[in-house]
C-alpha atoms as a PDB file:
ATOM      1  CA  MET A   1      41.901  17.342  -0.996  1.00  0.00           C
ATOM      2  CA  ASN A   2      39.307  17.496   1.751  1.00  0.00           C
ATOM      3  CA  ASN A   3      41.097  18.983   4.767  1.00  0.00           C
ATOM      4  CA  ASN A   4      37.992  18.869   6.957  1.00  0.00           C
ATOM      5  CA  LEU A   5      38.739  15.355   8.167  1.00  0.00           C
ATOM      6  CA  LEU A   6      41.660  14.578  10.425  1.00  0.00           C
ATOM      7  CA  ARG A   7      41.295  11.419  12.436  1.00  0.00           C
ATOM      8  CA  MET A   8      43.665   9.063  14.169  1.00  0.00           C
ATOM      9  CA  VAL A   9      42.702   5.509  15.112  1.00  0.00           C
ATOM     10  CA  TYR A  10      44.829   2.939  16.918  1.00  0.00           C
ATOM     11  CA  PHE A  11      44.059  -0.741  16.438  1.00  0.00           C
ATOM     12  CA  GLU A  12      45.551  -2.240  19.594  1.00  0.00           C
ATOM     13  CA  GLN A  13      45.412  -5.943  18.702  1.00  0.00           C
ATOM     14  CA  GLU A  14      47.097  -5.358  15.326  1.00  0.00           C
ATOM     15  CA  ASP A  15      49.366  -2.582  16.710  1.00  0.00           C
ATOM     16  CA  ILE A  16      48.478  -0.334  13.763  1.00  0.00           C
ATOM     17  CA  LEU A  17      48.097   3.437  13.900  1.00  0.00           C
ATOM     18  CA  HIS A  18      46.022   4.927  11.089  1.00  0.00           C
ATOM     19  CA  LEU A  19      45.898   8.638  10.355  1.00  0.00           C
ATOM     20  CA  THR A  20      43.101   9.749   8.017  1.00  0.00           C
ATOM     21  CA  LEU A  21      43.604  13.091   6.292  1.00  0.00           C
ATOM     22  CA  SER A  22      40.681  12.938   3.851  1.00  0.00           C
ATOM     23  CA  ALA A  23      37.455  10.987   3.367  1.00  0.00           C
ATOM     24  CA  GLU A  24      38.319  10.461  -0.302  1.00  0.00           C
ATOM     25  CA  PRO A  25      38.534   6.854  -1.486  1.00  0.00           C
ATOM     26  CA  GLU A  26      41.958   5.267  -1.607  1.00  0.00           C
ATOM     27  CA  ALA A  27      43.175   4.672  -5.154  1.00  0.00           C
ATOM     28  CA  GLY A  28      46.625   3.394  -4.271  1.00  0.00           C
ATOM     29  CA  CYS A  29      49.335   3.233  -1.676  1.00  0.00           C
ATOM     30  CA  VAL A  30      53.093   3.533  -1.439  1.00  0.00           C
ATOM     31  CA  GLU A  31      55.387   2.019   1.181  1.00  0.00           C
ATOM     32  CA  ILE A  32      57.515   4.978   2.241  1.00  0.00           C
ATOM     33  CA  SER A  33      59.587   3.003   4.741  1.00  0.00           C
ATOM     34  CA  PRO A  34      59.332  -0.363   6.443  1.00  0.00           C
ATOM     35  CA  HIS A  35      56.025  -0.496   8.314  1.00  0.00           C
ATOM     36  CA  ILE A  36      54.787   2.898   7.001  1.00  0.00           C
ATOM     37  CA  THR A  37      52.372   3.158   4.096  1.00  0.00           C
ATOM     38  CA  ALA A  38      51.085   6.343   2.471  1.00  0.00           C
ATOM     39  CA  GLU A  39      47.551   6.080   1.094  1.00  0.00           C
ATOM     40  CA  LEU A  40      46.805   8.110  -2.039  1.00  0.00           C
ATOM     41  CA  ASN A  41      43.692   9.349  -3.860  1.00  0.00           C
ATOM     42  CA  GLU A  42      43.128   9.272  -7.636  1.00  0.00           C
ATOM     43  CA  GLN A  43      45.288  12.400  -8.093  1.00  0.00           C
ATOM     44  CA  GLY A  44      48.183  10.869  -6.143  1.00  0.00           C
ATOM     45  CA  GLU A  45      47.621  13.131  -3.141  1.00  0.00           C
ATOM     46  CA  LEU A  46      48.158  11.875   0.391  1.00  0.00           C
ATOM     47  CA  ILE A  47      44.902  10.958   2.117  1.00  0.00           C
ATOM     48  CA  GLY A  48      46.138   8.695   4.915  1.00  0.00           C
ATOM     49  CA  ILE A  49      49.082   7.111   6.662  1.00  0.00           C
ATOM     50  CA  GLU A  50      49.258   3.656   8.183  1.00  0.00           C
ATOM     51  CA  ILE A  51      51.968   2.722  10.676  1.00  0.00           C
ATOM     52  CA  MET A  52      52.391  -0.944  11.514  1.00  0.00           C
ATOM     53  CA  ASN A  53      54.234  -1.952  14.703  1.00  0.00           C
ATOM     54  CA  ALA A  54      53.183   1.472  15.966  1.00  0.00           C
ATOM     55  CA  ARG A  55      54.347   1.006  19.565  1.00  0.00           C
ATOM     56  CA  ALA A  56      57.943   0.307  18.574  1.00  0.00           C
ATOM     57  CA  PHE A  57      57.911   3.004  15.869  1.00  0.00           C
ATOM     58  CA  LEU A  58      56.654   5.726  18.206  1.00  0.00           C
ATOM     59  CA  ARG A  59      59.005   4.649  21.000  1.00  0.00           C
ATOM     60  CA  ASP A  60      61.988   4.810  18.626  1.00  0.00           C
ATOM     61  CA  VAL A  61      60.980   8.196  17.179  1.00  0.00           C
ATOM     62  CA  ILE A  62      60.506   9.687  20.644  1.00  0.00           C
ATOM     63  CA  LEU A  63      63.807   8.279  21.900  1.00  0.00           C
ATOM     64  CA  GLU A  64      65.682   9.577  18.844  1.00  0.00           C
ATOM     65  CA  THR A  65      64.152  13.024  19.261  1.00  0.00           C
ATOM     66  CA  VAL A  66      64.933  13.186  22.975  1.00  0.00           C
ATOM     67  CA  GLN A  67      68.491  11.943  22.435  1.00  0.00           C
ATOM     68  CA  ALA A  68      69.078  14.545  19.706  1.00  0.00           C
ATOM     69  CA  LYS A  69      67.779  17.335  21.960  1.00  0.00           C
ATOM     70  CA  LEU A  70      69.945  16.168  24.861  1.00  0.00           C
ATOM     71  CA  LEU A  71      72.981  16.030  22.582  1.00  0.00           C
ATOM     72  CA  GLN A  72      72.305  19.605  21.414  1.00  0.00           C
ATOM     73  CA  LEU A  73      71.978  20.757  25.010  1.00  0.00           C
ATOM     74  CA  SER A  74      75.196  19.059  26.056  1.00  0.00           C
ATOM     75  CA  ARG A  75      77.060  20.782  23.199  1.00  0.00           C
ATOM     76  CA  ALA A  76      75.575  24.212  23.866  1.00  0.00           C
ATOM     77  CA  PRO A  77      78.088  26.745  25.179  1.00  0.00           C
ATOM     78  CA  THR A  78      77.654  27.688  28.783  1.00  0.00           C
ATOM     79  CA  ALA A  79      77.640  31.286  29.907  1.00  0.00           C
END
């Protein structure tokens, strides 16, 4: 896999975030969860990721992460 290319492009009108990991041609893709597709090369290696409804996805991921951190902090023993 060509690791020299790492590029992220956001298509605002379509609300799609595309992460390119390699310049290799796409030979196939796999939906890994709703709205997230992994793009694969001929060897089945990951070469890109496409996230549809990117705004909502990123908002939800950030909120979940922040909530988990706050929960950990609230459960931490105090000195």
